[in-house]
Every structure is written in C-alpha cells, then in structure tokens.
Amino acid sequence: MKKVIGFVIFGVVVTIFSIGWLDKFIKNKEGIDFNLDKFVPLITGAIAIVLYHLERHREKSNAAKIILQEIRRAENSINNVRNLCPLETISVLPTNSWGKYQHLFLSDLDQDELGLISNFYELCSVIDKEVRNHQASLRIANDEKRKVIQKKLLDLAGESGGDEAKYKGARDKILKIFHEETYFFKPHAPDSIISRCIPNIKDVTTSSCGEKLKFIARIK
C-alpha cells in the first residue's frame, strides 16, 4: 500500500512539473493562452479521490484480517466444545468486530454469505455468553467451597481444645475429603443452550465467503 501511494504521489509531482514546463513553453508562443491555475483544482481533486480509494482499500483489507482472525479462533474453540474439552479453559468470542466492519463488504459478499457470517457471530456470541456463565458458576462454587473449608477448620480448632495432634489429624481428614471431591453444582441452562447452538454453526473460513475475505486480506 505504501508503494502504491508513493507511486501516486510521484506521478502527481511529475505531472505538475510537466504541466508547469508546458505552461512556460506555450506562453512563449504568440497567441496561445494557457493557464496552469485552471488545472490545479482538477489535480487536487484527482489526488483526493485516489488517496480516498487507497485508504478505503487499506481499511477493508485490515478489517478482513481482523474478522478472519476472530472467526478462526472461534472455530477452534467451537471444535474444542464439540470434543468435550472443559468449558473452564475455553473462550469462544472475546472480540466481535463484524458489526463494526460488515458495511465494508456489502459489495463483495452476497446475501447468503453475509448471512452465514452474521449467523456465525450471533451463535458464537450466545455460546460465549453461556461459557462465561459456566465459568462464573465454577468460580462461585470454588469460593463457597473455600468458605466452608475455612469455617470447618475454625470449628475443628475450637473442638480440639488445644490438642494440636488431634486438630491436625481431623484437619487432614477434612481436607482430603474436600480435595478429592471434584463435583460442584452448576445450572443446567448453559450446557443446554450450548448444545442447541453447536449443530447450527457452519465453518466460515472454508466457505466461499471465507475465501473472499482471504483474498481481500491478501491471505493465502
């Protein structure tokens, strides 16, 4: 892009100097009236139009790269969900740029392709929300578990009557039970919603619109 802009500016400068030289040359000829000032607005307008289209092209290319990056990450996360990876380790859609940039691709993608990407982002947003709900439930459960353990240890300290050996023996038994217990209560809703969404998600990167986005982003 910088090379293109450089060539454009170079071409404009050469053109201005050429017209300036031509202006002096023609003015030396009798009976010919040539005014360079008349061409300045035209040249300025042409430069503005060229730079505007170059900037729009750069913006679209960068937007396509961002969207492809988000989609690839989401597709990998969705595959992890399909493979029953623990939801605690998954982040499906930390950023959503499609709503911000989709207007840039209205002339490049047809309605079905635009719909595919919009549907992908919508479902991934729902799944990401439910994954975060699941993770929040786990954090709450762990916090409550720590509170229960701490209270139980305080109770044991009072019940031991100062007998350190008795306290340590009871403490170790309690901690062993709590550490070996991995079950925690979680609402059924997040898993149910995720299970309903997963089958309706179609991959984007291998579709026709994915290929178009790669072309716009100049990614092979």
C-alpha atoms as a PDB file:
ATOM      1  CA  MET A   1       0.000   0.000   0.000  1.00  0.00           C
ATOM      2  CA  LYS A   2       2.803   2.444   0.848  1.00  0.00           C
ATOM      3  CA  LYS A   3       4.441   1.681  -2.505  1.00  0.00           C
ATOM      4  CA  VAL A   4       1.183   2.417  -4.343  1.00  0.00           C
ATOM      5  CA  ILE A   5       0.743   5.735  -2.523  1.00  0.00           C
ATOM      6  CA  GLY A   6       4.379   6.561  -3.259  1.00  0.00           C
ATOM      7  CA  PHE A   7       3.886   5.921  -6.982  1.00  0.00           C
ATOM      8  CA  VAL A   8       0.719   8.036  -6.995  1.00  0.00           C
ATOM      9  CA  ILE A   9       2.443  10.974  -5.317  1.00  0.00           C
ATOM     10  CA  PHE A  10       5.439  10.611  -7.621  1.00  0.00           C
ATOM     11  CA  GLY A  11       3.162  10.571 -10.653  1.00  0.00           C
ATOM     12  CA  VAL A  12       1.296  13.656  -9.464  1.00  0.00           C
ATOM     13  CA  VAL A  13       4.539  15.564  -8.845  1.00  0.00           C
ATOM     14  CA  VAL A  14       5.849  14.625 -12.285  1.00  0.00           C
ATOM     15  CA  THR A  15       2.545  15.686 -13.840  1.00  0.00           C
ATOM     16  CA  ILE A  16       2.635  19.073 -12.105  1.00  0.00           C
ATOM     17  CA  PHE A  17       6.196  19.718 -13.216  1.00  0.00           C
ATOM     18  CA  SER A  18       5.314  18.609 -16.748  1.00  0.00           C
ATOM     19  CA  ILE A  19       2.332  20.941 -16.894  1.00  0.00           C
ATOM     20  CA  GLY A  20       4.463  23.747 -15.456  1.00  0.00           C
ATOM     21  CA  TRP A  21       7.071  23.225 -18.134  1.00  0.00           C
ATOM     22  CA  LEU A  22       4.347  23.042 -20.779  1.00  0.00           C
ATOM     23  CA  ASP A  23       2.829  26.252 -19.415  1.00  0.00           C
ATOM     24  CA  LYS A  24       6.103  28.128 -19.830  1.00  0.00           C
ATOM     25  CA  PHE A  25       6.678  26.602 -23.243  1.00  0.00           C
ATOM     26  CA  ILE A  26       3.260  27.538 -24.590  1.00  0.00           C
ATOM     27  CA  LYS A  27       3.359  31.051 -23.127  1.00  0.00           C
ATOM     28  CA  ASN A  28       6.474  31.659 -25.191  1.00  0.00           C
ATOM     29  CA  LYS A  29       4.377  31.060 -28.289  1.00  0.00           C
ATOM     30  CA  GLU A  30       2.452  34.046 -29.521  1.00  0.00           C
ATOM     31  CA  GLY A  31      -1.336  33.930 -29.475  1.00  0.00           C
ATOM     32  CA  ILE A  32      -1.633  30.957 -27.144  1.00  0.00           C
ATOM     33  CA  ASP A  33      -3.190  31.415 -23.720  1.00  0.00           C
ATOM     34  CA  PHE A  34      -2.512  28.534 -21.339  1.00  0.00           C
ATOM     35  CA  ASN A  35      -3.320  28.947 -17.629  1.00  0.00           C
ATOM     36  CA  LEU A  36      -1.899  26.345 -15.246  1.00  0.00           C
ATOM     37  CA  ASP A  37      -4.087  27.626 -12.407  1.00  0.00           C
ATOM     38  CA  LYS A  38      -7.130  26.122 -14.111  1.00  0.00           C
ATOM     39  CA  PHE A  39      -5.657  22.642 -13.721  1.00  0.00           C
ATOM     40  CA  VAL A  40      -4.754  22.893 -10.020  1.00  0.00           C
ATOM     41  CA  PRO A  41      -8.284  22.135  -8.662  1.00  0.00           C
ATOM     42  CA  LEU A  42      -8.579  19.208 -11.082  1.00  0.00           C
ATOM     43  CA  ILE A  43      -5.240  17.775  -9.997  1.00  0.00           C
ATOM     44  CA  THR A  44      -6.054  18.314  -6.313  1.00  0.00           C
ATOM     45  CA  GLY A  45      -9.418  16.604  -6.716  1.00  0.00           C
ATOM     46  CA  ALA A  46      -7.837  13.678  -8.539  1.00  0.00           C
ATOM     47  CA  ILE A  47      -5.275  13.243  -5.763  1.00  0.00           C
ATOM     48  CA  ALA A  48      -8.004  13.332  -3.111  1.00  0.00           C
ATOM     49  CA  ILE A  49     -10.074  10.699  -4.928  1.00  0.00           C
ATOM     50  CA  VAL A  50      -7.105   8.376  -5.421  1.00  0.00           C
ATOM     51  CA  LEU A  51      -5.996   8.670  -1.795  1.00  0.00           C
ATOM     52  CA  TYR A  52      -9.579   8.118  -0.570  1.00  0.00           C
ATOM     53  CA  HIS A  53      -9.907   4.872  -2.528  1.00  0.00           C
ATOM     54  CA  LEU A  54      -6.476   3.706  -1.391  1.00  0.00           C
ATOM     55  CA  GLU A  55      -7.411   4.367   2.234  1.00  0.00           C
ATOM     56  CA  ARG A  56     -10.736   2.545   1.835  1.00  0.00           C
ATOM     57  CA  HIS A  57      -8.902  -0.417   0.322  1.00  0.00           C
ATOM     58  CA  ARG A  58      -6.436  -0.466   3.214  1.00  0.00           C
ATOM     59  CA  GLU A  59      -9.252  -0.231   5.764  1.00  0.00           C
ATOM     60  CA  LYS A  60     -11.146  -3.101   4.129  1.00  0.00           C
ATOM     61  CA  SER A  61      -8.028  -5.267   3.971  1.00  0.00           C
ATOM     62  CA  ASN A  62      -7.246  -4.695   7.658  1.00  0.00           C
ATOM     63  CA  ALA A  63     -10.879  -5.327   8.617  1.00  0.00           C
ATOM     64  CA  ALA A  64     -10.871  -8.628   6.700  1.00  0.00           C
ATOM     65  CA  LYS A  65      -7.738  -9.707   8.586  1.00  0.00           C
ATOM     66  CA  ILE A  66      -9.338  -8.888  11.944  1.00  0.00           C
ATOM     67  CA  ILE A  67     -12.561 -10.721  11.106  1.00  0.00           C
ATOM     68  CA  LEU A  68     -10.717 -13.788   9.816  1.00  0.00           C
ATOM     69  CA  GLN A  69      -8.631 -13.884  12.988  1.00  0.00           C
ATOM     70  CA  GLU A  70     -11.757 -13.763  15.159  1.00  0.00           C
ATOM     71  CA  ILE A  71     -13.519 -16.412  13.084  1.00  0.00           C
ATOM     72  CA  ARG A  72     -10.532 -18.789  13.129  1.00  0.00           C
ATOM     73  CA  ARG A  73     -10.253 -18.510  16.903  1.00  0.00           C
ATOM     74  CA  ALA A  74     -13.988 -19.052  17.324  1.00  0.00           C
ATOM     75  CA  GLU A  75     -13.974 -22.081  15.006  1.00  0.00           C
ATOM     76  CA  ASN A  76     -11.129 -23.648  17.000  1.00  0.00           C
ATOM     77  CA  SER A  77     -12.976 -23.008  20.261  1.00  0.00           C
ATOM     78  CA  ILE A  78     -16.209 -24.469  18.875  1.00  0.00           C
ATOM     79  CA  ASN A  79     -14.311 -27.597  17.821  1.00  0.00           C
ATOM     80  CA  ASN A  80     -12.966 -27.850  21.374  1.00  0.00           C
ATOM     81  CA  VAL A  81     -16.520 -27.657  22.689  1.00  0.00           C
ATOM     82  CA  ARG A  82     -17.566 -30.384  20.249  1.00  0.00           C
ATOM     83  CA  ASN A  83     -14.676 -32.510  21.518  1.00  0.00           C
ATOM     84  CA  LEU A  84     -15.960 -32.054  25.101  1.00  0.00           C
ATOM     85  CA  CYS A  85     -12.996 -30.008  26.301  1.00  0.00           C
ATOM     86  CA  PRO A  86     -13.603 -28.412  29.730  1.00  0.00           C
ATOM     87  CA  LEU A  87     -15.503 -25.164  29.335  1.00  0.00           C
ATOM     88  CA  GLU A  88     -13.329 -23.560  32.011  1.00  0.00           C
ATOM     89  CA  THR A  89     -10.455 -23.388  29.507  1.00  0.00           C
ATOM     90  CA  ILE A  90     -12.405 -22.029  26.532  1.00  0.00           C
ATOM     91  CA  SER A  91     -13.003 -18.504  25.244  1.00  0.00           C
ATOM     92  CA  VAL A  92     -15.150 -18.528  22.113  1.00  0.00           C
ATOM     93  CA  LEU A  93     -15.524 -14.909  21.024  1.00  0.00           C
ATOM     94  CA  PRO A  94     -13.584 -12.419  23.178  1.00  0.00           C
ATOM     95  CA  THR A  95     -13.998  -9.709  20.500  1.00  0.00           C
ATOM     96  CA  ASN A  96     -16.740  -9.159  17.922  1.00  0.00           C
ATOM     97  CA  SER A  97     -15.807  -6.840  15.048  1.00  0.00           C
ATOM     98  CA  TRP A  98     -18.341  -7.983  12.462  1.00  0.00           C
ATOM     99  CA  GLY A  99     -20.956  -5.405  13.431  1.00  0.00           C
ATOM    100  CA  LYS A 100     -18.357  -2.659  13.111  1.00  0.00           C
ATOM    101  CA  TYR A 101     -16.960  -3.667   9.712  1.00  0.00           C
ATOM    102  CA  GLN A 102     -19.659  -5.591   7.847  1.00  0.00           C
ATOM    103  CA  HIS A 103     -20.681  -2.497   5.820  1.00  0.00           C
ATOM    104  CA  LEU A 104     -17.271  -2.620   4.124  1.00  0.00           C
ATOM    105  CA  PHE A 105     -18.086  -5.962   2.474  1.00  0.00           C
ATOM    106  CA  LEU A 106     -21.622  -5.349   1.187  1.00  0.00           C
ATOM    107  CA  SER A 107     -20.339  -5.127  -2.387  1.00  0.00           C
ATOM    108  CA  ASP A 108     -18.024  -8.157  -2.056  1.00  0.00           C
ATOM    109  CA  LEU A 109     -20.318 -10.751  -0.451  1.00  0.00           C
ATOM    110  CA  ASP A 110     -23.796 -11.846  -1.493  1.00  0.00           C
ATOM    111  CA  GLN A 111     -26.741 -12.049   0.908  1.00  0.00           C
ATOM    112  CA  ASP A 112     -26.182 -15.723   1.714  1.00  0.00           C
ATOM    113  CA  GLU A 113     -22.532 -15.121   2.534  1.00  0.00           C
ATOM    114  CA  LEU A 114     -23.323 -12.093   4.677  1.00  0.00           C
ATOM    115  CA  GLY A 115     -25.999 -14.156   6.427  1.00  0.00           C
ATOM    116  CA  LEU A 116     -23.564 -17.005   7.071  1.00  0.00           C
ATOM    117  CA  ILE A 117     -21.075 -14.719   8.803  1.00  0.00           C
ATOM    118  CA  SER A 118     -23.774 -12.871  10.764  1.00  0.00           C
ATOM    119  CA  ASN A 119     -25.294 -16.163  11.924  1.00  0.00           C
ATOM    120  CA  PHE A 120     -21.844 -17.461  12.886  1.00  0.00           C
ATOM    121  CA  TYR A 121     -21.138 -14.407  15.022  1.00  0.00           C
ATOM    122  CA  GLU A 122     -24.606 -14.454  16.579  1.00  0.00           C
ATOM    123  CA  LEU A 123     -24.408 -18.111  17.642  1.00  0.00           C
ATOM    124  CA  CYS A 124     -20.812 -17.765  18.824  1.00  0.00           C
ATOM    125  CA  SER A 125     -21.841 -14.776  20.936  1.00  0.00           C
ATOM    126  CA  VAL A 126     -24.587 -16.862  22.567  1.00  0.00           C
ATOM    127  CA  ILE A 127     -22.173 -19.737  23.241  1.00  0.00           C
ATOM    128  CA  ASP A 128     -19.506 -17.366  24.562  1.00  0.00           C
ATOM    129  CA  LYS A 129     -22.030 -15.888  26.990  1.00  0.00           C
ATOM    130  CA  GLU A 130     -23.052 -19.338  28.265  1.00  0.00           C
ATOM    131  CA  VAL A 131     -19.402 -20.418  28.578  1.00  0.00           C
ATOM    132  CA  ARG A 132     -18.784 -17.357  30.721  1.00  0.00           C
ATOM    133  CA  ASN A 133     -21.889 -18.207  32.781  1.00  0.00           C
ATOM    134  CA  HIS A 134     -20.482 -21.704  33.333  1.00  0.00           C
ATOM    135  CA  GLN A 135     -17.108 -20.274  34.350  1.00  0.00           C
ATOM    136  CA  ALA A 136     -18.821 -17.843  36.727  1.00  0.00           C
ATOM    137  CA  SER A 137     -20.709 -20.748  38.341  1.00  0.00           C
ATOM    138  CA  LEU A 138     -17.421 -22.581  38.863  1.00  0.00           C
ATOM    139  CA  ARG A 139     -15.821 -19.529  40.466  1.00  0.00           C
ATOM    140  CA  ILE A 140     -18.798 -19.118  42.796  1.00  0.00           C
ATOM    141  CA  ALA A 141     -18.704 -22.815  43.704  1.00  0.00           C
ATOM    142  CA  ASN A 142     -14.977 -22.639  44.482  1.00  0.00           C
ATOM    143  CA  ASP A 143     -15.461 -19.518  46.579  1.00  0.00           C
ATOM    144  CA  GLU A 144     -18.220 -21.196  48.576  1.00  0.00           C
ATOM    145  CA  LYS A 145     -16.098 -24.303  48.980  1.00  0.00           C
ATOM    146  CA  ARG A 146     -13.228 -22.240  50.401  1.00  0.00           C
ATOM    147  CA  LYS A 147     -15.609 -20.565  52.840  1.00  0.00           C
ATOM    148  CA  VAL A 148     -16.955 -23.926  54.030  1.00  0.00           C
ATOM    149  CA  ILE A 149     -13.444 -25.354  54.457  1.00  0.00           C
ATOM    150  CA  GLN A 150     -12.297 -22.305  56.402  1.00  0.00           C
ATOM    151  CA  LYS A 151     -15.323 -22.443  58.707  1.00  0.00           C
ATOM    152  CA  LYS A 152     -14.853 -26.176  59.254  1.00  0.00           C
ATOM    153  CA  LEU A 153     -11.188 -25.659  60.181  1.00  0.00           C
ATOM    154  CA  LEU A 154     -12.133 -22.955  62.657  1.00  0.00           C
ATOM    155  CA  ASP A 155     -14.716 -25.302  64.197  1.00  0.00           C
ATOM    156  CA  LEU A 156     -12.129 -28.096  64.465  1.00  0.00           C
ATOM    157  CA  ALA A 157      -9.688 -25.741  66.149  1.00  0.00           C
ATOM    158  CA  GLY A 158     -12.312 -24.963  68.787  1.00  0.00           C
ATOM    159  CA  GLU A 159     -13.306 -28.605  69.229  1.00  0.00           C
ATOM    160  CA  SER A 160      -9.700 -29.817  69.642  1.00  0.00           C
ATOM    161  CA  GLY A 161      -9.381 -27.955  72.927  1.00  0.00           C
ATOM    162  CA  GLY A 162      -5.789 -27.004  72.202  1.00  0.00           C
ATOM    163  CA  ASP A 163      -4.719 -30.559  71.348  1.00  0.00           C
ATOM    164  CA  GLU A 164      -2.516 -29.899  68.302  1.00  0.00           C
ATOM    165  CA  ALA A 165      -2.180 -33.560  67.279  1.00  0.00           C
ATOM    166  CA  LYS A 166      -5.956 -34.060  67.447  1.00  0.00           C
ATOM    167  CA  TYR A 167      -6.531 -30.908  65.399  1.00  0.00           C
ATOM    168  CA  LYS A 168      -4.012 -31.864  62.693  1.00  0.00           C
ATOM    169  CA  GLY A 169      -5.464 -35.367  62.373  1.00  0.00           C
ATOM    170  CA  ALA A 170      -9.017 -34.067  61.979  1.00  0.00           C
ATOM    171  CA  ARG A 171      -7.850 -31.297  59.657  1.00  0.00           C
ATOM    172  CA  ASP A 172      -6.035 -33.667  57.313  1.00  0.00           C
ATOM    173  CA  LYS A 173      -9.107 -35.914  57.059  1.00  0.00           C
ATOM    174  CA  ILE A 174     -11.377 -32.977  56.246  1.00  0.00           C
ATOM    175  CA  LEU A 175      -9.012 -31.516  53.654  1.00  0.00           C
ATOM    176  CA  LYS A 176      -8.600 -34.912  51.991  1.00  0.00           C
ATOM    177  CA  ILE A 177     -12.365 -35.206  51.591  1.00  0.00           C
ATOM    178  CA  PHE A 178     -12.714 -31.715  50.155  1.00  0.00           C
ATOM    179  CA  HIS A 179      -9.750 -32.015  47.788  1.00  0.00           C
ATOM    180  CA  GLU A 180     -10.897 -35.361  46.392  1.00  0.00           C
ATOM    181  CA  GLU A 181     -14.439 -34.104  45.823  1.00  0.00           C
ATOM    182  CA  THR A 182     -14.498 -32.562  42.331  1.00  0.00           C
ATOM    183  CA  TYR A 183     -18.252 -32.308  41.895  1.00  0.00           C
ATOM    184  CA  PHE A 184     -19.845 -28.893  42.044  1.00  0.00           C
ATOM    185  CA  PHE A 185     -23.387 -27.804  41.324  1.00  0.00           C
ATOM    186  CA  LYS A 186     -23.869 -25.934  38.075  1.00  0.00           C
ATOM    187  CA  PRO A 187     -27.037 -24.720  36.360  1.00  0.00           C
ATOM    188  CA  HIS A 188     -28.215 -26.909  33.512  1.00  0.00           C
ATOM    189  CA  ALA A 189     -29.169 -23.964  31.276  1.00  0.00           C
ATOM    190  CA  PRO A 190     -25.698 -23.072  29.898  1.00  0.00           C
ATOM    191  CA  ASP A 191     -24.935 -26.613  28.724  1.00  0.00           C
ATOM    192  CA  SER A 192     -28.414 -26.959  27.251  1.00  0.00           C
ATOM    193  CA  ILE A 193     -28.167 -23.711  25.279  1.00  0.00           C
ATOM    194  CA  ILE A 194     -24.666 -24.550  24.018  1.00  0.00           C
ATOM    195  CA  SER A 195     -25.827 -27.998  22.894  1.00  0.00           C
ATOM    196  CA  ARG A 196     -28.635 -26.443  20.864  1.00  0.00           C
ATOM    197  CA  CYS A 197     -26.380 -23.868  19.197  1.00  0.00           C
ATOM    198  CA  ILE A 198     -23.436 -26.075  18.228  1.00  0.00           C
ATOM    199  CA  PRO A 199     -25.154 -28.053  15.421  1.00  0.00           C
ATOM    200  CA  ASN A 200     -26.280 -24.823  13.714  1.00  0.00           C
ATOM    201  CA  ILE A 201     -22.794 -23.346  13.399  1.00  0.00           C
ATOM    202  CA  LYS A 202     -21.186 -23.677   9.983  1.00  0.00           C
ATOM    203  CA  ASP A 203     -17.491 -23.057   9.348  1.00  0.00           C
ATOM    204  CA  VAL A 204     -16.752 -19.800   7.582  1.00  0.00           C
ATOM    205  CA  THR A 205     -13.052 -19.967   6.731  1.00  0.00           C
ATOM    206  CA  THR A 206     -13.529 -22.873   4.300  1.00  0.00           C
ATOM    207  CA  SER A 207     -16.639 -21.389   2.667  1.00  0.00           C
ATOM    208  CA  SER A 208     -16.866 -19.111  -0.383  1.00  0.00           C
ATOM    209  CA  CYS A 209     -17.122 -16.001   1.790  1.00  0.00           C
ATOM    210  CA  GLY A 210     -14.091 -17.148   3.750  1.00  0.00           C
ATOM    211  CA  GLU A 211     -12.114 -17.371   0.517  1.00  0.00           C
ATOM    212  CA  LYS A 212     -13.285 -13.896  -0.486  1.00  0.00           C
ATOM    213  CA  LEU A 213     -12.219 -12.461   2.858  1.00  0.00           C
ATOM    214  CA  LYS A 214      -8.811 -14.097   2.480  1.00  0.00           C
ATOM    215  CA  PHE A 215      -8.464 -12.541  -0.980  1.00  0.00           C
ATOM    216  CA  ILE A 216      -9.394  -9.090   0.351  1.00  0.00           C
ATOM    217  CA  ALA A 217      -6.990  -9.534   3.275  1.00  0.00           C
ATOM    218  CA  ARG A 218      -4.301 -10.825   0.911  1.00  0.00           C
ATOM    219  CA  ILE A 219      -4.016 -14.029   2.912  1.00  0.00           C
ATOM    220  CA  LYS A 220      -3.340 -17.319   1.133  1.00  0.00           C
END
